[in-house]
């Protein structure tokens, strides 16, 4: 079973650690679990890219309704992500 379901051994960081260190390492699992249980699906984001997507979606919803005008909503979303990626790529090159 271990070889089938846990091939990369996600618990290897706990091996050989004292009990105090294991408790500290184990507390890192708690916040994402609480966040996943208490957050609604629309507001659930983990990581900087996800949060930027939520901010972009909320800003676009203030200007254009995705249910009333989905084509314009998608065009604005694609345009803003295109220009953001173009800006980021140019800064990366510089």
C-alpha atoms as a PDB file:
ATOM      1  CA  UNK A   1       0.000   0.000   0.000  1.00  0.00           C
ATOM      2  CA  UNK A   2       2.777   2.428   0.853  1.00  0.00           C
ATOM      3  CA  UNK A   3       4.484   1.906  -2.504  1.00  0.00           C
ATOM      4  CA  UNK A   4       1.204   2.396  -4.347  1.00  0.00           C
ATOM      5  CA  UNK A   5      -0.202   5.463  -2.614  1.00  0.00           C
ATOM      6  CA  UNK A   6       2.844   7.136  -1.048  1.00  0.00           C
ATOM      7  CA  UNK A   7       5.587   6.654  -3.597  1.00  0.00           C
ATOM      8  CA  UNK A   8       7.329   9.941  -2.840  1.00  0.00           C
ATOM      9  CA  UNK A   9       6.957   9.510   0.964  1.00  0.00           C
ATOM     10  CA  UNK A  10       5.470  12.893   1.931  1.00  0.00           C
ATOM     11  CA  UNK A  11       6.071  12.147   5.619  1.00  0.00           C
ATOM     12  CA  UNK A  12       9.864  11.780   5.276  1.00  0.00           C
ATOM     13  CA  UNK A  13      10.450  15.134   6.960  1.00  0.00           C
ATOM     14  CA  UNK A  14       9.033  13.687  10.197  1.00  0.00           C
ATOM     15  CA  UNK A  15      11.408  10.729  10.371  1.00  0.00           C
ATOM     16  CA  UNK A  16      14.123  10.969  12.995  1.00  0.00           C
ATOM     17  CA  UNK A  17      12.843  14.260  14.395  1.00  0.00           C
ATOM     18  CA  UNK A  18      12.156  14.872  18.087  1.00  0.00           C
ATOM     19  CA  UNK A  19       8.511  15.093  19.171  1.00  0.00           C
ATOM     20  CA  UNK A  20       8.642  18.890  19.547  1.00  0.00           C
ATOM     21  CA  UNK A  21       9.929  19.302  15.983  1.00  0.00           C
ATOM     22  CA  UNK A  22       7.259  16.878  14.690  1.00  0.00           C
ATOM     23  CA  UNK A  23       4.543  19.004  16.299  1.00  0.00           C
ATOM     24  CA  UNK A  24       5.917  22.158  14.700  1.00  0.00           C
ATOM     25  CA  UNK A  25       6.136  20.476  11.295  1.00  0.00           C
ATOM     26  CA  UNK A  26       2.612  19.038  11.705  1.00  0.00           C
ATOM     27  CA  UNK A  27       1.084  22.479  12.456  1.00  0.00           C
ATOM     28  CA  UNK A  28       1.881  23.532   8.879  1.00  0.00           C
ATOM     29  CA  UNK A  29      -0.900  21.219   7.668  1.00  0.00           C
ATOM     30  CA  UNK A  30      -3.577  22.852   9.808  1.00  0.00           C
ATOM     31  CA  UNK A  31      -3.979  26.343   8.222  1.00  0.00           C
ATOM     32  CA  UNK A  32      -4.570  25.090   4.648  1.00  0.00           C
ATOM     33  CA  UNK A  33      -7.087  22.548   5.926  1.00  0.00           C
ATOM     34  CA  UNK A  34      -8.992  25.163   7.931  1.00  0.00           C
ATOM     35  CA  UNK A  35      -8.837  27.509   4.952  1.00  0.00           C
ATOM     36  CA  UNK A  36     -10.229  24.846   2.628  1.00  0.00           C
ATOM     37  CA  UNK A  37     -13.059  23.949   5.016  1.00  0.00           C
ATOM     38  CA  UNK A  38     -14.132  27.488   5.919  1.00  0.00           C
ATOM     39  CA  UNK A  39     -13.560  29.327   2.642  1.00  0.00           C
ATOM     40  CA  UNK A  40     -16.149  29.375  -0.097  1.00  0.00           C
ATOM     41  CA  UNK A  41     -15.100  28.021  -3.487  1.00  0.00           C
ATOM     42  CA  UNK A  42     -15.139  31.431  -5.129  1.00  0.00           C
ATOM     43  CA  UNK A  43     -12.839  32.896  -2.486  1.00  0.00           C
ATOM     44  CA  UNK A  44     -10.512  29.933  -2.078  1.00  0.00           C
ATOM     45  CA  UNK A  45      -6.994  30.676  -3.317  1.00  0.00           C
ATOM     46  CA  UNK A  46      -3.603  29.386  -2.336  1.00  0.00           C
ATOM     47  CA  UNK A  47      -0.488  31.048  -3.686  1.00  0.00           C
ATOM     48  CA  UNK A  48       0.278  34.388  -5.304  1.00  0.00           C
ATOM     49  CA  UNK A  49      -0.974  33.481  -8.788  1.00  0.00           C
ATOM     50  CA  UNK A  50      -4.347  32.347  -7.473  1.00  0.00           C
ATOM     51  CA  UNK A  51      -4.759  35.486  -5.402  1.00  0.00           C
ATOM     52  CA  UNK A  52      -3.936  37.669  -8.403  1.00  0.00           C
ATOM     53  CA  UNK A  53      -6.588  35.805 -10.406  1.00  0.00           C
ATOM     54  CA  UNK A  54      -9.184  36.415  -7.692  1.00  0.00           C
ATOM     55  CA  UNK A  55      -8.334  40.114  -7.567  1.00  0.00           C
ATOM     56  CA  UNK A  56      -8.553  40.382 -11.347  1.00  0.00           C
ATOM     57  CA  UNK A  57     -11.913  38.582 -11.367  1.00  0.00           C
ATOM     58  CA  UNK A  58     -13.364  40.793  -8.653  1.00  0.00           C
ATOM     59  CA  UNK A  59     -12.149  43.951 -10.405  1.00  0.00           C
ATOM     60  CA  UNK A  60     -13.650  42.846 -13.702  1.00  0.00           C
ATOM     61  CA  UNK A  61     -16.965  41.957 -12.026  1.00  0.00           C
ATOM     62  CA  UNK A  62     -17.212  45.548 -10.790  1.00  0.00           C
ATOM     63  CA  UNK A  63     -17.027  46.811 -14.365  1.00  0.00           C
ATOM     64  CA  UNK A  64     -18.764  44.091 -16.423  1.00  0.00           C
ATOM     65  CA  UNK A  65     -21.212  41.404 -15.399  1.00  0.00           C
ATOM     66  CA  UNK A  66     -20.019  37.957 -16.574  1.00  0.00           C
ATOM     67  CA  UNK A  67     -23.619  36.739 -16.844  1.00  0.00           C
ATOM     68  CA  UNK A  68     -24.985  39.706 -18.801  1.00  0.00           C
ATOM     69  CA  UNK A  69     -22.039  40.209 -21.157  1.00  0.00           C
ATOM     70  CA  UNK A  70     -19.762  37.143 -21.068  1.00  0.00           C
ATOM     71  CA  UNK A  71     -17.954  37.990 -24.324  1.00  0.00           C
ATOM     72  CA  UNK A  72     -16.828  41.408 -23.097  1.00  0.00           C
ATOM     73  CA  UNK A  73     -15.877  39.912 -19.719  1.00  0.00           C
ATOM     74  CA  UNK A  74     -13.652  37.315 -21.407  1.00  0.00           C
ATOM     75  CA  UNK A  75     -12.127  39.883 -23.742  1.00  0.00           C
ATOM     76  CA  UNK A  76     -11.219  42.111 -20.806  1.00  0.00           C
ATOM     77  CA  UNK A  77      -9.814  39.161 -18.860  1.00  0.00           C
ATOM     78  CA  UNK A  78      -7.694  37.987 -21.797  1.00  0.00           C
ATOM     79  CA  UNK A  79      -6.498  41.525 -22.561  1.00  0.00           C
ATOM     80  CA  UNK A  80      -5.478  42.234 -18.986  1.00  0.00           C
ATOM     81  CA  UNK A  81      -3.635  38.921 -18.608  1.00  0.00           C
ATOM     82  CA  UNK A  82      -1.895  39.478 -21.950  1.00  0.00           C
ATOM     83  CA  UNK A  83      -0.624  42.910 -20.973  1.00  0.00           C
ATOM     84  CA  UNK A  84       0.367  41.732 -17.497  1.00  0.00           C
ATOM     85  CA  UNK A  85       2.378  38.857 -18.977  1.00  0.00           C
ATOM     86  CA  UNK A  86       3.935  41.172 -21.560  1.00  0.00           C
ATOM     87  CA  UNK A  87       4.949  43.583 -18.804  1.00  0.00           C
ATOM     88  CA  UNK A  88       6.322  40.765 -16.645  1.00  0.00           C
ATOM     89  CA  UNK A  89       8.274  39.267 -19.548  1.00  0.00           C
ATOM     90  CA  UNK A  90       9.799  42.630 -20.434  1.00  0.00           C
ATOM     91  CA  UNK A  91      10.875  43.155 -16.828  1.00  0.00           C
ATOM     92  CA  UNK A  92      12.344  39.661 -16.796  1.00  0.00           C
ATOM     93  CA  UNK A  93      14.373  40.395 -19.890  1.00  0.00           C
ATOM     94  CA  UNK A  94      15.639  43.673 -18.447  1.00  0.00           C
END
